């Protein structure tokens, strides 16, 4: 774990967000704010609210269509550039060496920035056979100072191993679907072994009923917290970088208010080894520090290919 940033919020509340040290030496806030499936104008409002509540890491993507709105919110905030950590992603149609260089410049223009803190390849798309040359373009962008850190999203062990073996720079981050119902132990172990940080998208298991789990409700009640806060605290405790998304001001504030309590180290949720879509098995969610029974849910969360 690296340093932290401390923000005075609302005059009375202080928020301290820890930072992780990426493999290239950059420090990234462990908790940030995502804007997937948020329109451009709504993203501007949501990011403004997030910044007011103490978030300093913002995650967007070319495919989200809201980089301009994100950029407007960043400029309107008046925050110094060095207090912000901005991530965006290169879309599938932008893969290829020269395409990737142009795509980065286009994203920078839409965001109104002269450099990115983190630039990711959104999906490996192995059938196209372009992710390695795309990665080499990201290496050039890093060498040229247009990007501070480079990484990937939704990459498998096989794709990661090829990048590590054949390129010069190890990805700083792999952003993947990850939550208590889909914990991806094997992929996370590979990350740890190679100095890659795991970043969780859909950290609250959106669309899979996680926040309605009865066992999770009992844990939340025991701690005087919401189910979402319990899940986010779990991510932080296992070392994930996490980017919850909301456009509701109260939930944006709630999702960053996760640093004033700890979860017991005993009885973590059952560790799903990475069951994929179509399995008929179930995953048992065991409560932290409760004596009640466990909720049972369908296993195998299907990744949304547009994510």
C-alpha atoms as a PDB file:
ATOM      1  CA  UNK A   1       0.000   0.000   0.000  1.00  0.00           C
ATOM      2  CA  UNK A   2       1.224   3.457  -0.846  1.00  0.00           C
ATOM      3  CA  UNK A   3       0.261   6.895   0.460  1.00  0.00           C
ATOM      4  CA  UNK A   4      -3.215   8.372   0.829  1.00  0.00           C
ATOM      5  CA  UNK A   5      -5.087  11.535   0.018  1.00  0.00           C
ATOM      6  CA  UNK A   6      -7.190  13.285   2.663  1.00  0.00           C
ATOM      7  CA  UNK A   7     -10.112  15.504   1.678  1.00  0.00           C
ATOM      8  CA  UNK A   8     -12.260  17.758   3.864  1.00  0.00           C
ATOM      9  CA  UNK A   9     -15.836  17.128   2.755  1.00  0.00           C
ATOM     10  CA  UNK A  10     -18.775  19.288   3.673  1.00  0.00           C
ATOM     11  CA  UNK A  11     -16.741  21.257   6.192  1.00  0.00           C
ATOM     12  CA  UNK A  12     -16.903  18.550   8.875  1.00  0.00           C
ATOM     13  CA  UNK A  13     -16.192  15.150   7.287  1.00  0.00           C
ATOM     14  CA  UNK A  14     -12.658  14.104   6.429  1.00  0.00           C
ATOM     15  CA  UNK A  15     -12.184  11.364   3.825  1.00  0.00           C
ATOM     16  CA  UNK A  16      -8.837   9.621   3.559  1.00  0.00           C
ATOM     17  CA  UNK A  17      -8.499   7.372   0.517  1.00  0.00           C
ATOM     18  CA  UNK A  18      -5.446   5.090   0.445  1.00  0.00           C
ATOM     19  CA  UNK A  19      -3.305   4.843  -2.655  1.00  0.00           C
ATOM     20  CA  UNK A  20      -1.639   1.790  -4.156  1.00  0.00           C
ATOM     21  CA  UNK A  21       1.814   1.857  -5.713  1.00  0.00           C
ATOM     22  CA  UNK A  22       1.642   0.601  -9.289  1.00  0.00           C
ATOM     23  CA  UNK A  23       4.493  -1.415 -10.769  1.00  0.00           C
ATOM     24  CA  UNK A  24       5.872   1.684 -12.536  1.00  0.00           C
ATOM     25  CA  UNK A  25       5.944   3.757  -9.339  1.00  0.00           C
ATOM     26  CA  UNK A  26       2.757   5.748  -9.905  1.00  0.00           C
ATOM     27  CA  UNK A  27       0.387   6.116  -6.950  1.00  0.00           C
ATOM     28  CA  UNK A  28      -3.286   5.391  -7.712  1.00  0.00           C
ATOM     29  CA  UNK A  29      -6.239   5.948  -5.348  1.00  0.00           C
ATOM     30  CA  UNK A  30      -7.612   2.577  -4.301  1.00  0.00           C
ATOM     31  CA  UNK A  31     -11.191   3.804  -4.569  1.00  0.00           C
ATOM     32  CA  UNK A  32     -12.381   5.785  -7.573  1.00  0.00           C
ATOM     33  CA  UNK A  33     -15.517   6.648  -9.508  1.00  0.00           C
ATOM     34  CA  UNK A  34     -16.824   4.962 -12.662  1.00  0.00           C
ATOM     35  CA  UNK A  35     -19.165   6.317 -15.340  1.00  0.00           C
ATOM     36  CA  UNK A  36     -20.150   3.247 -17.380  1.00  0.00           C
ATOM     37  CA  UNK A  37     -23.590   3.643 -19.051  1.00  0.00           C
ATOM     38  CA  UNK A  38     -23.849   7.295 -18.021  1.00  0.00           C
ATOM     39  CA  UNK A  39     -24.670   9.883 -20.675  1.00  0.00           C
ATOM     40  CA  UNK A  40     -22.368  12.809 -21.352  1.00  0.00           C
ATOM     41  CA  UNK A  41     -24.330  15.516 -19.515  1.00  0.00           C
ATOM     42  CA  UNK A  42     -25.233  13.194 -16.660  1.00  0.00           C
ATOM     43  CA  UNK A  43     -21.579  12.150 -16.364  1.00  0.00           C
ATOM     44  CA  UNK A  44     -20.629  15.798 -15.950  1.00  0.00           C
ATOM     45  CA  UNK A  45     -23.047  16.154 -13.037  1.00  0.00           C
ATOM     46  CA  UNK A  46     -22.110  12.826 -11.456  1.00  0.00           C
ATOM     47  CA  UNK A  47     -18.358  13.455 -11.664  1.00  0.00           C
ATOM     48  CA  UNK A  48     -18.837  16.933 -10.189  1.00  0.00           C
ATOM     49  CA  UNK A  49     -20.711  15.372  -7.263  1.00  0.00           C
ATOM     50  CA  UNK A  50     -18.038  12.690  -6.874  1.00  0.00           C
ATOM     51  CA  UNK A  51     -15.252  15.263  -6.753  1.00  0.00           C
ATOM     52  CA  UNK A  52     -17.169  17.275  -4.158  1.00  0.00           C
ATOM     53  CA  UNK A  53     -17.395  14.134  -2.025  1.00  0.00           C
ATOM     54  CA  UNK A  54     -13.681  13.431  -2.111  1.00  0.00           C
ATOM     55  CA  UNK A  55     -13.164  11.122  -5.076  1.00  0.00           C
ATOM     56  CA  UNK A  56     -10.018  11.937  -7.029  1.00  0.00           C
ATOM     57  CA  UNK A  57      -9.803   8.963  -9.407  1.00  0.00           C
ATOM     58  CA  UNK A  58     -12.228   8.973 -12.353  1.00  0.00           C
ATOM     59  CA  UNK A  59     -12.624   6.054 -14.776  1.00  0.00           C
ATOM     60  CA  UNK A  60     -14.151   6.498 -18.227  1.00  0.00           C
ATOM     61  CA  UNK A  61     -13.660   5.037 -21.720  1.00  0.00           C
ATOM     62  CA  UNK A  62     -13.851   5.989 -25.350  1.00  0.00           C
ATOM     63  CA  UNK A  63     -16.790   3.588 -25.769  1.00  0.00           C
ATOM     64  CA  UNK A  64     -18.790   5.222 -22.974  1.00  0.00           C
ATOM     65  CA  UNK A  65     -19.312   8.374 -25.033  1.00  0.00           C
ATOM     66  CA  UNK A  66     -18.928  10.644 -22.010  1.00  0.00           C
ATOM     67  CA  UNK A  67     -15.281  11.747 -22.015  1.00  0.00           C
ATOM     68  CA  UNK A  68     -16.282  15.327 -22.862  1.00  0.00           C
ATOM     69  CA  UNK A  69     -18.679  15.485 -19.917  1.00  0.00           C
ATOM     70  CA  UNK A  70     -16.044  14.052 -17.616  1.00  0.00           C
ATOM     71  CA  UNK A  71     -13.575  16.637 -18.858  1.00  0.00           C
ATOM     72  CA  UNK A  72     -15.983  19.504 -18.245  1.00  0.00           C
ATOM     73  CA  UNK A  73     -16.494  18.363 -14.662  1.00  0.00           C
ATOM     74  CA  UNK A  74     -12.752  18.073 -14.080  1.00  0.00           C
ATOM     75  CA  UNK A  75     -12.136  21.619 -15.336  1.00  0.00           C
ATOM     76  CA  UNK A  76     -15.086  23.113 -13.453  1.00  0.00           C
ATOM     77  CA  UNK A  77     -13.880  21.581 -10.192  1.00  0.00           C
ATOM     78  CA  UNK A  78     -10.855  23.879 -10.082  1.00  0.00           C
ATOM     79  CA  UNK A  79      -8.803  21.052  -8.580  1.00  0.00           C
ATOM     80  CA  UNK A  80      -5.083  20.987  -9.381  1.00  0.00           C
ATOM     81  CA  UNK A  81      -4.265  18.476 -12.104  1.00  0.00           C
ATOM     82  CA  UNK A  82      -1.823  16.636  -9.864  1.00  0.00           C
ATOM     83  CA  UNK A  83      -4.632  15.858  -7.396  1.00  0.00           C
ATOM     84  CA  UNK A  84      -6.580  13.969 -10.067  1.00  0.00           C
ATOM     85  CA  UNK A  85      -6.100  10.483 -11.458  1.00  0.00           C
ATOM     86  CA  UNK A  86      -7.854  10.020 -14.817  1.00  0.00           C
ATOM     87  CA  UNK A  87      -8.283   6.683 -16.575  1.00  0.00           C
ATOM     88  CA  UNK A  88      -9.739   6.057 -20.000  1.00  0.00           C
ATOM     89  CA  UNK A  89      -9.788   3.065 -22.324  1.00  0.00           C
ATOM     90  CA  UNK A  90      -9.131   2.319 -25.964  1.00  0.00           C
ATOM     91  CA  UNK A  91     -12.053   0.611 -27.695  1.00  0.00           C
ATOM     92  CA  UNK A  92     -11.894  -2.535 -29.859  1.00  0.00           C
ATOM     93  CA  UNK A  93     -12.202  -0.685 -33.167  1.00  0.00           C
ATOM     94  CA  UNK A  94      -9.258   1.525 -32.151  1.00  0.00           C
ATOM     95  CA  UNK A  95      -6.803  -1.361 -31.844  1.00  0.00           C
ATOM     96  CA  UNK A  96      -3.671  -1.474 -33.988  1.00  0.00           C
ATOM     97  CA  UNK A  97      -0.486   0.533 -33.479  1.00  0.00           C
ATOM     98  CA  UNK A  98      -1.278   3.733 -35.368  1.00  0.00           C
ATOM     99  CA  UNK A  99      -4.996   3.578 -34.558  1.00  0.00           C
ATOM    100  CA  UNK A 100      -4.157   3.417 -30.863  1.00  0.00           C
ATOM    101  CA  UNK A 101      -1.914   6.476 -31.053  1.00  0.00           C
ATOM    102  CA  UNK A 102      -4.705   8.441 -32.732  1.00  0.00           C
ATOM    103  CA  UNK A 103      -7.303   7.127 -30.296  1.00  0.00           C
ATOM    104  CA  UNK A 104      -5.302   8.340 -27.315  1.00  0.00           C
ATOM    105  CA  UNK A 105      -4.971  11.827 -28.785  1.00  0.00           C
ATOM    106  CA  UNK A 106      -8.713  11.885 -29.467  1.00  0.00           C
ATOM    107  CA  UNK A 107      -9.487  10.882 -25.874  1.00  0.00           C
ATOM    108  CA  UNK A 108      -7.102  13.520 -24.534  1.00  0.00           C
ATOM    109  CA  UNK A 109      -8.824  16.134 -26.683  1.00  0.00           C
ATOM    110  CA  UNK A 110     -12.301  15.129 -25.502  1.00  0.00           C
ATOM    111  CA  UNK A 111     -11.155  15.149 -21.875  1.00  0.00           C
ATOM    112  CA  UNK A 112      -9.313  18.460 -22.310  1.00  0.00           C
ATOM    113  CA  UNK A 113      -6.106  17.001 -20.870  1.00  0.00           C
ATOM    114  CA  UNK A 114      -2.508  16.894 -22.034  1.00  0.00           C
ATOM    115  CA  UNK A 115      -1.781  13.545 -20.398  1.00  0.00           C
ATOM    116  CA  UNK A 116      -3.577  10.547 -18.935  1.00  0.00           C
ATOM    117  CA  UNK A 117      -2.775   8.924 -15.634  1.00  0.00           C
ATOM    118  CA  UNK A 118      -3.816   5.467 -16.853  1.00  0.00           C
ATOM    119  CA  UNK A 119      -4.676   4.213 -20.346  1.00  0.00           C
ATOM    120  CA  UNK A 120      -6.172   0.746 -20.811  1.00  0.00           C
ATOM    121  CA  UNK A 121      -6.854  -1.602 -23.719  1.00  0.00           C
ATOM    122  CA  UNK A 122     -10.560  -2.234 -23.138  1.00  0.00           C
ATOM    123  CA  UNK A 123     -10.742  -5.859 -24.369  1.00  0.00           C
ATOM    124  CA  UNK A 124      -8.037  -8.155 -25.765  1.00  0.00           C
ATOM    125  CA  UNK A 125     -10.105  -9.278 -28.796  1.00  0.00           C
ATOM    126  CA  UNK A 126      -7.689 -12.159 -29.504  1.00  0.00           C
ATOM    127  CA  UNK A 127      -9.514 -13.063 -32.699  1.00  0.00           C
ATOM    128  CA  UNK A 128      -8.327  -9.820 -34.266  1.00  0.00           C
ATOM    129  CA  UNK A 129      -4.717 -10.491 -33.296  1.00  0.00           C
ATOM    130  CA  UNK A 130      -3.973  -6.823 -32.620  1.00  0.00           C
ATOM    131  CA  UNK A 131      -3.629  -6.472 -28.873  1.00  0.00           C
ATOM    132  CA  UNK A 132       0.153  -6.936 -28.808  1.00  0.00           C
ATOM    133  CA  UNK A 133       0.857  -4.238 -31.398  1.00  0.00           C
ATOM    134  CA  UNK A 134      -1.718  -2.075 -29.631  1.00  0.00           C
ATOM    135  CA  UNK A 135       0.195  -2.601 -26.394  1.00  0.00           C
ATOM    136  CA  UNK A 136       3.411  -1.494 -28.099  1.00  0.00           C
ATOM    137  CA  UNK A 137       1.628   1.723 -29.070  1.00  0.00           C
ATOM    138  CA  UNK A 138       0.723   2.238 -25.411  1.00  0.00           C
ATOM    139  CA  UNK A 139       4.380   1.706 -24.521  1.00  0.00           C
ATOM    140  CA  UNK A 140       5.257   4.518 -26.934  1.00  0.00           C
ATOM    141  CA  UNK A 141       2.613   6.792 -25.416  1.00  0.00           C
ATOM    142  CA  UNK A 142       4.106   6.136 -21.997  1.00  0.00           C
ATOM    143  CA  UNK A 143       7.647   6.786 -23.235  1.00  0.00           C
ATOM    144  CA  UNK A 144       6.474  10.035 -24.861  1.00  0.00           C
ATOM    145  CA  UNK A 145       4.851  11.267 -21.658  1.00  0.00           C
ATOM    146  CA  UNK A 146       1.286  11.285 -22.974  1.00  0.00           C
ATOM    147  CA  UNK A 147       0.340   8.566 -20.481  1.00  0.00           C
ATOM    148  CA  UNK A 148       1.733   8.000 -16.992  1.00  0.00           C
ATOM    149  CA  UNK A 149       0.744   4.325 -16.627  1.00  0.00           C
ATOM    150  CA  UNK A 150      -0.601   1.715 -19.030  1.00  0.00           C
ATOM    151  CA  UNK A 151      -2.716  -1.322 -18.435  1.00  0.00           C
ATOM    152  CA  UNK A 152      -5.422  -3.592 -19.753  1.00  0.00           C
ATOM    153  CA  UNK A 153      -9.015  -4.563 -19.080  1.00  0.00           C
ATOM    154  CA  UNK A 154     -10.738  -7.937 -19.335  1.00  0.00           C
ATOM    155  CA  UNK A 155      -7.483  -9.729 -20.207  1.00  0.00           C
ATOM    156  CA  UNK A 156      -7.138 -13.441 -19.516  1.00  0.00           C
ATOM    157  CA  UNK A 157      -4.037 -15.129 -18.122  1.00  0.00           C
ATOM    158  CA  UNK A 158      -3.127 -16.230 -21.648  1.00  0.00           C
ATOM    159  CA  UNK A 159      -3.312 -12.697 -23.053  1.00  0.00           C
ATOM    160  CA  UNK A 160      -1.433 -11.254 -20.080  1.00  0.00           C
ATOM    161  CA  UNK A 161       1.304 -13.844 -20.370  1.00  0.00           C
ATOM    162  CA  UNK A 162       1.835 -12.998 -24.046  1.00  0.00           C
ATOM    163  CA  UNK A 163       2.161  -9.281 -23.271  1.00  0.00           C
ATOM    164  CA  UNK A 164       4.586  -9.953 -20.435  1.00  0.00           C
ATOM    165  CA  UNK A 165       6.687 -12.347 -22.528  1.00  0.00           C
ATOM    166  CA  UNK A 166       6.815 -10.361 -25.764  1.00  0.00           C
ATOM    167  CA  UNK A 167       6.612  -6.684 -24.772  1.00  0.00           C
ATOM    168  CA  UNK A 168       8.805  -4.438 -22.651  1.00  0.00           C
ATOM    169  CA  UNK A 169       6.359  -3.040 -20.076  1.00  0.00           C
ATOM    170  CA  UNK A 170       4.274  -5.125 -17.684  1.00  0.00           C
ATOM    171  CA  UNK A 171       0.654  -3.900 -17.433  1.00  0.00           C
ATOM    172  CA  UNK A 172       0.165  -1.860 -14.286  1.00  0.00           C
ATOM    173  CA  UNK A 173      -3.503  -2.840 -13.969  1.00  0.00           C
ATOM    174  CA  UNK A 174      -5.981  -5.390 -15.294  1.00  0.00           C
ATOM    175  CA  UNK A 175      -9.528  -4.107 -14.840  1.00  0.00           C
ATOM    176  CA  UNK A 176     -11.896  -7.088 -14.610  1.00  0.00           C
ATOM    177  CA  UNK A 177     -15.374  -8.044 -13.484  1.00  0.00           C
ATOM    178  CA  UNK A 178     -14.970  -8.885  -9.800  1.00  0.00           C
ATOM    179  CA  UNK A 179     -17.271  -9.095  -6.788  1.00  0.00           C
ATOM    180  CA  UNK A 180     -18.060 -11.622  -4.033  1.00  0.00           C
ATOM    181  CA  UNK A 181     -20.160 -13.740  -6.408  1.00  0.00           C
ATOM    182  CA  UNK A 182     -17.346 -13.844  -8.981  1.00  0.00           C
ATOM    183  CA  UNK A 183     -13.957 -13.616  -7.324  1.00  0.00           C
ATOM    184  CA  UNK A 184     -11.610 -14.807 -10.117  1.00  0.00           C
ATOM    185  CA  UNK A 185      -9.028 -16.296  -7.761  1.00  0.00           C
ATOM    186  CA  UNK A 186      -6.826 -17.752 -10.487  1.00  0.00           C
ATOM    187  CA  UNK A 187      -6.569 -14.514 -12.432  1.00  0.00           C
ATOM    188  CA  UNK A 188      -5.968 -12.483  -9.270  1.00  0.00           C
ATOM    189  CA  UNK A 189      -3.192 -14.862  -8.234  1.00  0.00           C
ATOM    190  CA  UNK A 190      -1.526 -14.371 -11.627  1.00  0.00           C
ATOM    191  CA  UNK A 191      -1.758 -10.613 -11.112  1.00  0.00           C
ATOM    192  CA  UNK A 192      -0.073 -10.866  -7.709  1.00  0.00           C
ATOM    193  CA  UNK A 193       2.715 -13.038  -9.085  1.00  0.00           C
ATOM    194  CA  UNK A 194       3.528 -10.472 -11.808  1.00  0.00           C
ATOM    195  CA  UNK A 195       3.056  -7.164  -9.994  1.00  0.00           C
ATOM    196  CA  UNK A 196      -0.221  -6.329 -11.746  1.00  0.00           C
ATOM    197  CA  UNK A 197      -2.905  -4.599  -9.694  1.00  0.00           C
ATOM    198  CA  UNK A 198      -6.443  -5.937  -9.881  1.00  0.00           C
ATOM    199  CA  UNK A 199      -9.105  -3.299 -10.525  1.00  0.00           C
ATOM    200  CA  UNK A 200     -12.741  -4.324 -10.114  1.00  0.00           C
ATOM    201  CA  UNK A 201     -15.513  -3.251 -12.435  1.00  0.00           C
ATOM    202  CA  UNK A 202     -19.088  -4.085 -11.403  1.00  0.00           C
ATOM    203  CA  UNK A 203     -17.718  -4.253  -7.848  1.00  0.00           C
ATOM    204  CA  UNK A 204     -21.231  -4.341  -6.399  1.00  0.00           C
ATOM    205  CA  UNK A 205     -22.310  -7.207  -8.661  1.00  0.00           C
ATOM    206  CA  UNK A 206     -24.736  -5.026 -10.602  1.00  0.00           C
ATOM    207  CA  UNK A 207     -27.502  -7.101 -12.134  1.00  0.00           C
ATOM    208  CA  UNK A 208     -26.730 -10.233 -10.099  1.00  0.00           C
ATOM    209  CA  UNK A 209     -28.659  -9.606  -6.873  1.00  0.00           C
ATOM    210  CA  UNK A 210     -25.622  -9.380  -4.628  1.00  0.00           C
ATOM    211  CA  UNK A 211     -26.905  -6.424  -2.620  1.00  0.00           C
ATOM    212  CA  UNK A 212     -30.144  -8.329  -1.890  1.00  0.00           C
ATOM    213  CA  UNK A 213     -28.315 -11.321  -0.394  1.00  0.00           C
ATOM    214  CA  UNK A 214     -29.804 -12.049   3.082  1.00  0.00           C
ATOM    215  CA  UNK A 215     -26.408 -12.941   4.554  1.00  0.00           C
ATOM    216  CA  UNK A 216     -24.964  -9.662   3.337  1.00  0.00           C
ATOM    217  CA  UNK A 217     -27.908  -7.803   4.861  1.00  0.00           C
ATOM    218  CA  UNK A 218     -27.131  -9.386   8.242  1.00  0.00           C
ATOM    219  CA  UNK A 219     -23.485  -8.321   8.017  1.00  0.00           C
ATOM    220  CA  UNK A 220     -24.478  -4.783   7.066  1.00  0.00           C
ATOM    221  CA  UNK A 221     -26.917  -4.570   9.982  1.00  0.00           C
ATOM    222  CA  UNK A 222     -24.264  -5.827  12.396  1.00  0.00           C
ATOM    223  CA  UNK A 223     -21.880  -3.061  11.306  1.00  0.00           C
ATOM    224  CA  UNK A 224     -24.471  -0.306  10.962  1.00  0.00           C
ATOM    225  CA  UNK A 225     -23.610  -0.018   7.265  1.00  0.00           C
ATOM    226  CA  UNK A 226     -25.297  -0.619   3.924  1.00  0.00           C
ATOM    227  CA  UNK A 227     -24.734  -3.797   1.877  1.00  0.00           C
ATOM    228  CA  UNK A 228     -22.881  -1.732  -0.739  1.00  0.00           C
ATOM    229  CA  UNK A 229     -20.491  -0.369   1.888  1.00  0.00           C
ATOM    230  CA  UNK A 230     -19.767  -3.896   3.153  1.00  0.00           C
ATOM    231  CA  UNK A 231     -18.929  -5.137  -0.334  1.00  0.00           C
ATOM    232  CA  UNK A 232     -16.709  -2.148  -1.093  1.00  0.00           C
ATOM    233  CA  UNK A 233     -14.883  -2.639   2.215  1.00  0.00           C
ATOM    234  CA  UNK A 234     -14.339  -6.297   1.265  1.00  0.00           C
ATOM    235  CA  UNK A 235     -12.735  -5.224  -2.025  1.00  0.00           C
ATOM    236  CA  UNK A 236     -10.426  -2.799  -0.243  1.00  0.00           C
ATOM    237  CA  UNK A 237      -9.450  -5.403   2.347  1.00  0.00           C
ATOM    238  CA  UNK A 238      -8.372  -7.933  -0.294  1.00  0.00           C
ATOM    239  CA  UNK A 239      -6.350  -5.258  -2.091  1.00  0.00           C
ATOM    240  CA  UNK A 240      -8.556  -4.477  -5.084  1.00  0.00           C
ATOM    241  CA  UNK A 241      -8.706  -1.093  -6.748  1.00  0.00           C
ATOM    242  CA  UNK A 242     -12.424  -0.409  -6.977  1.00  0.00           C
ATOM    243  CA  UNK A 243     -14.543   1.987  -9.070  1.00  0.00           C
ATOM    244  CA  UNK A 244     -18.198   1.997  -7.949  1.00  0.00           C
ATOM    245  CA  UNK A 245     -20.639   3.844 -10.172  1.00  0.00           C
ATOM    246  CA  UNK A 246     -23.758   5.810  -9.314  1.00  0.00           C
ATOM    247  CA  UNK A 247     -25.542   8.949 -10.477  1.00  0.00           C
ATOM    248  CA  UNK A 248     -27.455   9.340  -7.208  1.00  0.00           C
ATOM    249  CA  UNK A 249     -25.772  11.918  -4.937  1.00  0.00           C
ATOM    250  CA  UNK A 250     -26.568  10.053  -1.718  1.00  0.00           C
ATOM    251  CA  UNK A 251     -25.096   6.821  -3.057  1.00  0.00           C
ATOM    252  CA  UNK A 252     -22.026   8.584  -4.420  1.00  0.00           C
ATOM    253  CA  UNK A 253     -21.422   9.889  -0.886  1.00  0.00           C
ATOM    254  CA  UNK A 254     -22.210   6.503   0.665  1.00  0.00           C
ATOM    255  CA  UNK A 255     -19.771   4.619  -1.552  1.00  0.00           C
ATOM    256  CA  UNK A 256     -16.754   6.619  -0.421  1.00  0.00           C
ATOM    257  CA  UNK A 257     -17.722   6.421   3.258  1.00  0.00           C
ATOM    258  CA  UNK A 258     -16.064   3.030   3.729  1.00  0.00           C
ATOM    259  CA  UNK A 259     -12.903   3.867   5.648  1.00  0.00           C
ATOM    260  CA  UNK A 260     -14.312   4.213   9.173  1.00  0.00           C
ATOM    261  CA  UNK A 261     -14.836   0.513   9.911  1.00  0.00           C
ATOM    262  CA  UNK A 262     -13.221  -2.872   9.373  1.00  0.00           C
ATOM    263  CA  UNK A 263     -14.552  -6.322   8.594  1.00  0.00           C
ATOM    264  CA  UNK A 264     -13.534  -9.271  10.763  1.00  0.00           C
ATOM    265  CA  UNK A 265     -10.797 -11.365   9.215  1.00  0.00           C
ATOM    266  CA  UNK A 266     -12.650 -14.595   9.976  1.00  0.00           C
ATOM    267  CA  UNK A 267     -15.193 -16.343   7.814  1.00  0.00           C
ATOM    268  CA  UNK A 268     -14.812 -14.567   4.466  1.00  0.00           C
ATOM    269  CA  UNK A 269     -17.224 -15.302   1.611  1.00  0.00           C
ATOM    270  CA  UNK A 270     -16.704 -18.652  -0.090  1.00  0.00           C
ATOM    271  CA  UNK A 271     -14.009 -18.133  -2.706  1.00  0.00           C
ATOM    272  CA  UNK A 272     -15.478 -18.753  -6.135  1.00  0.00           C
ATOM    273  CA  UNK A 273     -12.680 -20.167  -8.338  1.00  0.00           C
ATOM    274  CA  UNK A 274     -14.087 -18.453 -11.403  1.00  0.00           C
ATOM    275  CA  UNK A 275     -17.269 -20.218 -12.461  1.00  0.00           C
ATOM    276  CA  UNK A 276     -18.382 -18.993 -15.840  1.00  0.00           C
ATOM    277  CA  UNK A 277     -21.755 -18.350 -17.425  1.00  0.00           C
ATOM    278  CA  UNK A 278     -23.888 -21.401 -18.019  1.00  0.00           C
ATOM    279  CA  UNK A 279     -22.884 -23.357 -14.925  1.00  0.00           C
ATOM    280  CA  UNK A 280     -25.698 -24.971 -12.974  1.00  0.00           C
ATOM    281  CA  UNK A 281     -23.735 -24.786  -9.728  1.00  0.00           C
ATOM    282  CA  UNK A 282     -24.389 -22.292  -6.956  1.00  0.00           C
ATOM    283  CA  UNK A 283     -22.067 -20.190  -4.851  1.00  0.00           C
ATOM    284  CA  UNK A 284     -22.528 -19.946  -1.095  1.00  0.00           C
ATOM    285  CA  UNK A 285     -22.036 -16.482   0.366  1.00  0.00           C
ATOM    286  CA  UNK A 286     -20.852 -16.854   3.965  1.00  0.00           C
ATOM    287  CA  UNK A 287     -21.187 -13.916   6.306  1.00  0.00           C
ATOM    288  CA  UNK A 288     -18.330 -12.075   7.973  1.00  0.00           C
ATOM    289  CA  UNK A 289     -18.763 -12.242  11.734  1.00  0.00           C
ATOM    290  CA  UNK A 290     -22.398 -13.414  11.781  1.00  0.00           C
ATOM    291  CA  UNK A 291     -23.919 -16.622  13.042  1.00  0.00           C
ATOM    292  CA  UNK A 292     -26.826 -16.769  10.618  1.00  0.00           C
ATOM    293  CA  UNK A 293     -27.198 -18.974   7.595  1.00  0.00           C
ATOM    294  CA  UNK A 294     -25.885 -18.218   4.130  1.00  0.00           C
ATOM    295  CA  UNK A 295     -27.730 -16.982   1.104  1.00  0.00           C
ATOM    296  CA  UNK A 296     -27.467 -19.002  -2.096  1.00  0.00           C
ATOM    297  CA  UNK A 297     -27.346 -17.442  -5.530  1.00  0.00           C
ATOM    298  CA  UNK A 298     -26.858 -18.601  -9.115  1.00  0.00           C
ATOM    299  CA  UNK A 299     -23.214 -18.898 -10.040  1.00  0.00           C
ATOM    300  CA  UNK A 300     -21.555 -17.680 -13.185  1.00  0.00           C
ATOM    301  CA  UNK A 301     -22.057 -13.962 -13.755  1.00  0.00           C
ATOM    302  CA  UNK A 302     -22.020 -13.267 -17.470  1.00  0.00           C
ATOM    303  CA  UNK A 303     -19.693 -10.438 -18.428  1.00  0.00           C
ATOM    304  CA  UNK A 304     -21.393  -7.693 -20.410  1.00  0.00           C
ATOM    305  CA  UNK A 305     -19.368  -7.558 -23.568  1.00  0.00           C
ATOM    306  CA  UNK A 306     -19.912  -3.804 -23.992  1.00  0.00           C
ATOM    307  CA  UNK A 307     -18.454  -3.117 -20.511  1.00  0.00           C
END
